[in-house]
């Protein structure tokens, strides 16, 4: 699943939904630091688009 999310991020790197989902999956699969970072990026992008 994470490999598929990495592909999605390459296709659309500024999509907050993809970043948040990828971050969540990465964090709960053991890569907490990078996962939280991605999720925070997704949240920041979502707030910019409001």
N, C-alpha and C. Protein backbone atom coordinates (compact mmCIF):
# COMPACT_ATOMS: atom_id res chain seq x y z
N UNK A 1 0.83 -1.19 0.00
CA UNK A 1 0.00 0.00 0.00
C UNK A 1 0.87 1.25 0.00
N UNK A 2 1.94 1.23 0.77
CA UNK A 2 2.80 2.40 0.86
C UNK A 2 3.45 2.69 -0.49
N UNK A 3 3.83 1.64 -1.22
CA UNK A 3 4.43 1.83 -2.54
C UNK A 3 3.43 2.51 -3.48
N UNK A 4 2.18 2.12 -3.41
CA UNK A 4 1.14 2.74 -4.24
C UNK A 4 0.95 4.20 -3.85
N UNK A 5 0.99 4.51 -2.57
CA UNK A 5 0.85 5.89 -2.13
C UNK A 5 2.04 6.74 -2.58
N UNK A 6 3.23 6.15 -2.60
CA UNK A 6 4.40 6.88 -3.11
C UNK A 6 4.21 7.22 -4.59
N UNK A 7 3.64 6.29 -5.35
CA UNK A 7 3.36 6.56 -6.77
C UNK A 7 2.33 7.67 -6.90
N UNK A 8 1.31 7.64 -6.07
CA UNK A 8 0.28 8.69 -6.11
C UNK A 8 0.88 10.05 -5.78
N UNK A 9 1.81 10.08 -4.81
CA UNK A 9 2.45 11.35 -4.44
C UNK A 9 3.32 11.87 -5.57
N UNK A 10 3.91 10.97 -6.37
CA UNK A 10 4.71 11.41 -7.51
C UNK A 10 3.82 12.02 -8.59
N UNK A 11 2.63 11.47 -8.76
CA UNK A 11 1.70 11.98 -9.77
C UNK A 11 1.07 13.31 -9.35
N UNK A 12 0.78 13.45 -8.07
CA UNK A 12 0.12 14.65 -7.57
C UNK A 12 0.69 15.00 -6.19
N UNK A 13 1.86 15.62 -6.16
CA UNK A 13 2.55 15.84 -4.88
C UNK A 13 1.90 16.87 -3.96
N UNK A 14 0.97 17.65 -4.44
CA UNK A 14 0.35 18.68 -3.62
C UNK A 14 -1.09 18.35 -3.24
N UNK A 15 -1.44 17.08 -3.26
CA UNK A 15 -2.79 16.67 -2.89
C UNK A 15 -2.82 16.35 -1.40
N UNK A 16 -3.51 17.17 -0.61
CA UNK A 16 -3.50 16.96 0.84
C UNK A 16 -4.10 15.61 1.25
N UNK A 17 -5.06 15.11 0.50
CA UNK A 17 -5.67 13.82 0.84
C UNK A 17 -4.66 12.68 0.68
N UNK A 18 -3.88 12.74 -0.38
CA UNK A 18 -2.85 11.71 -0.60
C UNK A 18 -1.77 11.82 0.47
N UNK A 19 -1.32 13.03 0.76
CA UNK A 19 -0.26 13.20 1.76
C UNK A 19 -0.73 12.75 3.14
N UNK A 20 -1.95 13.09 3.49
CA UNK A 20 -2.47 12.69 4.80
C UNK A 20 -2.62 11.19 4.92
N UNK A 21 -3.15 10.57 3.89
CA UNK A 21 -3.33 9.12 3.90
C UNK A 21 -1.98 8.41 3.95
N UNK A 22 -1.05 8.86 3.13
CA UNK A 22 0.28 8.25 3.11
C UNK A 22 0.96 8.42 4.46
N UNK A 23 0.85 9.60 5.03
CA UNK A 23 1.46 9.85 6.33
C UNK A 23 0.88 8.97 7.41
N UNK A 24 -0.42 8.83 7.40
CA UNK A 24 -1.09 7.99 8.38
C UNK A 24 -0.65 6.53 8.25
N UNK A 25 -0.62 6.02 7.03
CA UNK A 25 -0.19 4.64 6.80
C UNK A 25 1.26 4.42 7.21
N UNK A 26 2.11 5.36 6.85
CA UNK A 26 3.51 5.22 7.20
C UNK A 26 3.72 5.27 8.71
N UNK A 27 3.04 6.18 9.37
CA UNK A 27 3.20 6.32 10.83
C UNK A 27 2.78 5.04 11.55
N UNK A 28 1.63 4.50 11.17
CA UNK A 28 1.13 3.33 11.87
C UNK A 28 1.77 2.03 11.41
N UNK A 29 2.60 2.08 10.36
CA UNK A 29 3.33 0.88 9.96
C UNK A 29 4.75 0.89 10.50
N UNK A 30 5.09 1.91 11.29
CA UNK A 30 6.37 1.91 11.97
C UNK A 30 7.30 3.06 11.62
N UNK A 31 7.01 3.80 10.57
CA UNK A 31 7.86 4.93 10.18
C UNK A 31 7.21 6.22 10.69
N UNK A 32 7.19 6.34 12.01
CA UNK A 32 6.44 7.41 12.67
C UNK A 32 6.91 8.80 12.27
N UNK A 33 8.22 9.03 12.29
CA UNK A 33 8.76 10.37 12.02
C UNK A 33 8.36 10.87 10.63
N UNK A 34 8.62 10.07 9.61
CA UNK A 34 8.30 10.48 8.23
C UNK A 34 6.79 10.54 8.01
N UNK A 35 6.07 9.61 8.63
CA UNK A 35 4.62 9.60 8.48
C UNK A 35 3.97 10.85 9.04
N UNK A 36 4.39 11.24 10.24
CA UNK A 36 3.83 12.45 10.86
C UNK A 36 4.19 13.68 10.03
N UNK A 37 5.39 13.70 9.50
CA UNK A 37 5.81 14.83 8.67
C UNK A 37 4.92 14.96 7.43
N UNK A 38 4.65 13.84 6.77
CA UNK A 38 3.77 13.88 5.59
C UNK A 38 2.36 14.30 5.96
N UNK A 39 1.86 13.76 7.05
CA UNK A 39 0.50 14.13 7.48
C UNK A 39 0.41 15.62 7.78
N UNK A 40 1.43 16.16 8.42
CA UNK A 40 1.43 17.60 8.72
C UNK A 40 1.47 18.43 7.44
N UNK A 41 2.22 17.97 6.45
CA UNK A 41 2.25 18.67 5.16
C UNK A 41 0.85 18.66 4.53
N UNK A 42 0.19 17.51 4.60
CA UNK A 42 -1.16 17.41 4.05
C UNK A 42 -2.12 18.35 4.75
N UNK A 43 -2.01 18.44 6.08
CA UNK A 43 -2.88 19.34 6.84
C UNK A 43 -2.61 20.80 6.45
N UNK A 44 -1.34 21.17 6.32
CA UNK A 44 -0.99 22.54 5.95
C UNK A 44 -1.54 22.88 4.57
N UNK A 45 -1.42 21.95 3.62
CA UNK A 45 -1.95 22.21 2.28
C UNK A 45 -3.46 22.34 2.30
N UNK A 46 -4.12 21.52 3.08
CA UNK A 46 -5.59 21.58 3.17
C UNK A 46 -6.02 22.92 3.75
N UNK A 47 -5.29 23.42 4.74
CA UNK A 47 -5.65 24.69 5.34
C UNK A 47 -5.41 25.85 4.38
N UNK A 48 -4.39 25.74 3.53
CA UNK A 48 -4.13 26.79 2.53
C UNK A 48 -5.26 26.86 1.51
N UNK A 49 -5.83 25.71 1.19
CA UNK A 49 -6.86 25.65 0.15
C UNK A 49 -8.25 26.03 0.65
N UNK A 50 -8.40 26.24 1.95
CA UNK A 50 -9.72 26.62 2.48
C UNK A 50 -10.04 28.06 2.22
